[in-house]
Amino acid sequence: QVQLVESGGGLVQAGGSLRLSCAVSGIIPSSGRMGWYRQGPGKQRELVAEVRRGGSINYAAAVKGRFTISRDNAKNTLYLQMNSLKPEDTAVYSCNAEGFYPNENYWGQGTQVTVSS
């Protein structure tokens, strides 16, 4: 059974940094897609960054140049380094991973990030 557990969220002032981690237990494809999503207050969930199959990386326009996604397969962990945080980055951040089959898609429980102005 695959489980994803996020950590690293918290309260930070604007301009600060946080590093989110998503620890994976169970087996998922080492080159499968993984991503970070966020859902702010009153907003729909949106893609923040993803590592696509084969390793290419995609960022949402709002975070490009400030956030960095990385994956460490040896540690079964996905990271999101967030720099120059803004109040509009406030959201619950969740990680997502695909499994081996088309209907396998896993989510973590989310971690709260709050950026004060």
Protein backbone atom coordinates (compact mmCIF):
# COMPACT_ATOMS: atom_id res chain seq x y z
CA GLN A 1 0.00 0.00 0.00
CA VAL A 2 1.36 3.40 -1.00
CA GLN A 3 1.24 6.33 1.40
CA LEU A 4 2.47 9.89 0.93
CA VAL A 5 3.21 12.05 3.96
CA GLU A 6 4.02 15.74 3.62
CA SER A 7 5.96 17.79 6.14
CA GLY A 8 7.73 21.12 6.39
CA GLY A 9 4.83 23.52 6.29
CA GLY A 10 4.40 26.35 8.73
CA LEU A 11 4.12 30.08 9.24
CA VAL A 12 6.68 32.32 7.56
CA GLN A 13 6.98 36.00 6.79
CA ALA A 14 6.84 37.29 3.25
CA GLY A 15 10.20 36.89 1.60
CA GLY A 16 11.06 33.85 3.66
CA SER A 17 11.67 30.25 2.66
CA LEU A 18 10.31 26.82 3.45
CA ARG A 19 11.20 23.36 2.26
CA LEU A 20 8.42 20.84 1.94
CA SER A 21 9.03 17.10 1.92
CA CYS A 22 6.82 14.29 0.74
CA ALA A 23 7.90 10.91 2.03
CA VAL A 24 6.66 7.91 0.08
CA SER A 25 6.11 4.51 1.64
CA GLY A 26 5.33 1.61 -0.63
CA ILE A 27 6.44 1.16 -4.21
CA ILE A 28 5.81 3.61 -7.04
CA PRO A 29 7.53 3.92 -10.40
CA SER A 30 10.96 5.51 -9.94
CA SER A 31 10.47 7.52 -13.12
CA GLY A 32 6.75 8.08 -12.75
CA ARG A 33 5.15 11.47 -12.47
CA MET A 34 5.11 13.23 -9.10
CA GLY A 35 3.90 16.70 -8.30
CA TRP A 36 3.01 19.33 -5.75
CA TYR A 37 -0.41 20.94 -5.69
CA ARG A 38 -1.89 23.64 -3.50
CA GLN A 39 -5.31 24.84 -2.53
CA GLY A 40 -5.63 28.32 -1.11
CA PRO A 41 -8.61 29.69 0.86
CA GLY A 42 -11.65 29.79 -1.38
CA LYS A 43 -9.67 28.58 -4.36
CA GLN A 44 -9.51 25.45 -6.44
CA ARG A 45 -6.59 23.11 -6.16
CA GLU A 46 -3.86 23.97 -8.64
CA LEU A 47 -0.65 22.42 -9.86
CA VAL A 48 2.46 24.05 -8.41
CA ALA A 49 5.24 21.93 -9.85
CA GLU A 50 5.73 18.48 -11.25
CA VAL A 51 8.43 16.05 -12.26
CA ARG A 52 7.11 14.36 -15.36
CA ARG A 53 7.84 10.87 -16.59
CA GLY A 54 11.38 10.85 -17.83
CA GLY A 55 12.43 13.64 -15.49
CA SER A 56 11.37 16.86 -17.15
CA ILE A 57 10.09 19.53 -14.78
CA ASN A 58 7.16 21.89 -15.07
CA TYR A 59 6.28 24.88 -12.88
CA ALA A 60 3.20 27.02 -12.58
CA ALA A 61 3.86 30.52 -13.85
CA ALA A 62 3.14 31.98 -10.40
CA VAL A 63 6.04 30.11 -8.78
CA LYS A 64 8.59 29.86 -11.57
CA GLY A 65 11.94 31.22 -10.46
CA ARG A 66 11.01 31.01 -6.77
CA PHE A 67 10.20 27.33 -6.20
CA THR A 68 12.32 24.29 -6.98
CA ILE A 69 11.01 20.73 -7.12
CA SER A 70 13.33 17.79 -6.71
CA ARG A 71 13.09 14.08 -6.20
CA ASP A 72 15.41 11.75 -4.32
CA ASN A 73 14.55 8.17 -5.25
CA ALA A 74 17.12 6.79 -2.81
CA LYS A 75 15.18 8.42 0.01
CA ASN A 76 11.75 7.94 -1.59
CA THR A 77 11.11 11.62 -1.08
CA LEU A 78 9.84 14.52 -3.15
CA TYR A 79 10.85 18.05 -2.16
CA LEU A 80 9.65 21.55 -2.83
CA GLN A 81 12.04 24.37 -1.98
CA MET A 82 10.06 27.58 -1.73
CA ASN A 83 11.91 30.90 -1.69
CA SER A 84 10.74 34.51 -1.77
CA LEU A 85 7.38 33.47 -0.41
CA LYS A 86 4.42 35.76 -0.87
CA PRO A 87 1.12 35.98 1.04
CA GLU A 88 -0.64 34.61 -2.04
CA ASP A 89 1.36 31.39 -1.63
CA THR A 90 -0.69 30.65 1.48
CA ALA A 91 -2.38 27.29 0.91
CA VAL A 92 -2.49 23.64 1.83
CA TYR A 93 0.22 21.93 -0.19
CA SER A 94 -0.24 18.31 -1.18
CA CYS A 95 1.91 15.88 -3.09
CA ASN A 96 0.70 13.49 -5.71
CA ALA A 97 2.23 10.43 -7.32
CA GLU A 98 1.14 8.09 -10.03
CA GLY A 99 1.30 4.36 -9.65
CA PHE A 100 2.06 1.58 -12.06
CA TYR A 101 -1.43 1.39 -13.55
CA PRO A 102 -3.63 4.09 -15.13
CA ASN A 103 -6.10 4.18 -12.24
CA GLU A 104 -3.44 4.40 -9.55
CA ASN A 105 -3.00 7.94 -8.27
CA TYR A 106 -1.92 8.73 -4.74
CA TRP A 107 -2.29 11.85 -2.57
CA GLY A 108 -0.86 12.95 0.73
CA GLN A 109 -2.92 14.59 3.45
CA GLY A 110 -1.41 18.03 2.87
CA THR A 111 0.63 20.50 4.88
CA GLN A 112 -0.38 24.07 5.64
CA VAL A 113 1.80 26.93 4.46
CA THR A 114 0.92 30.39 5.73
CA VAL A 115 2.80 33.47 4.57
CA SER A 116 2.26 36.65 6.55
CA SER A 117 2.71 40.10 5.07
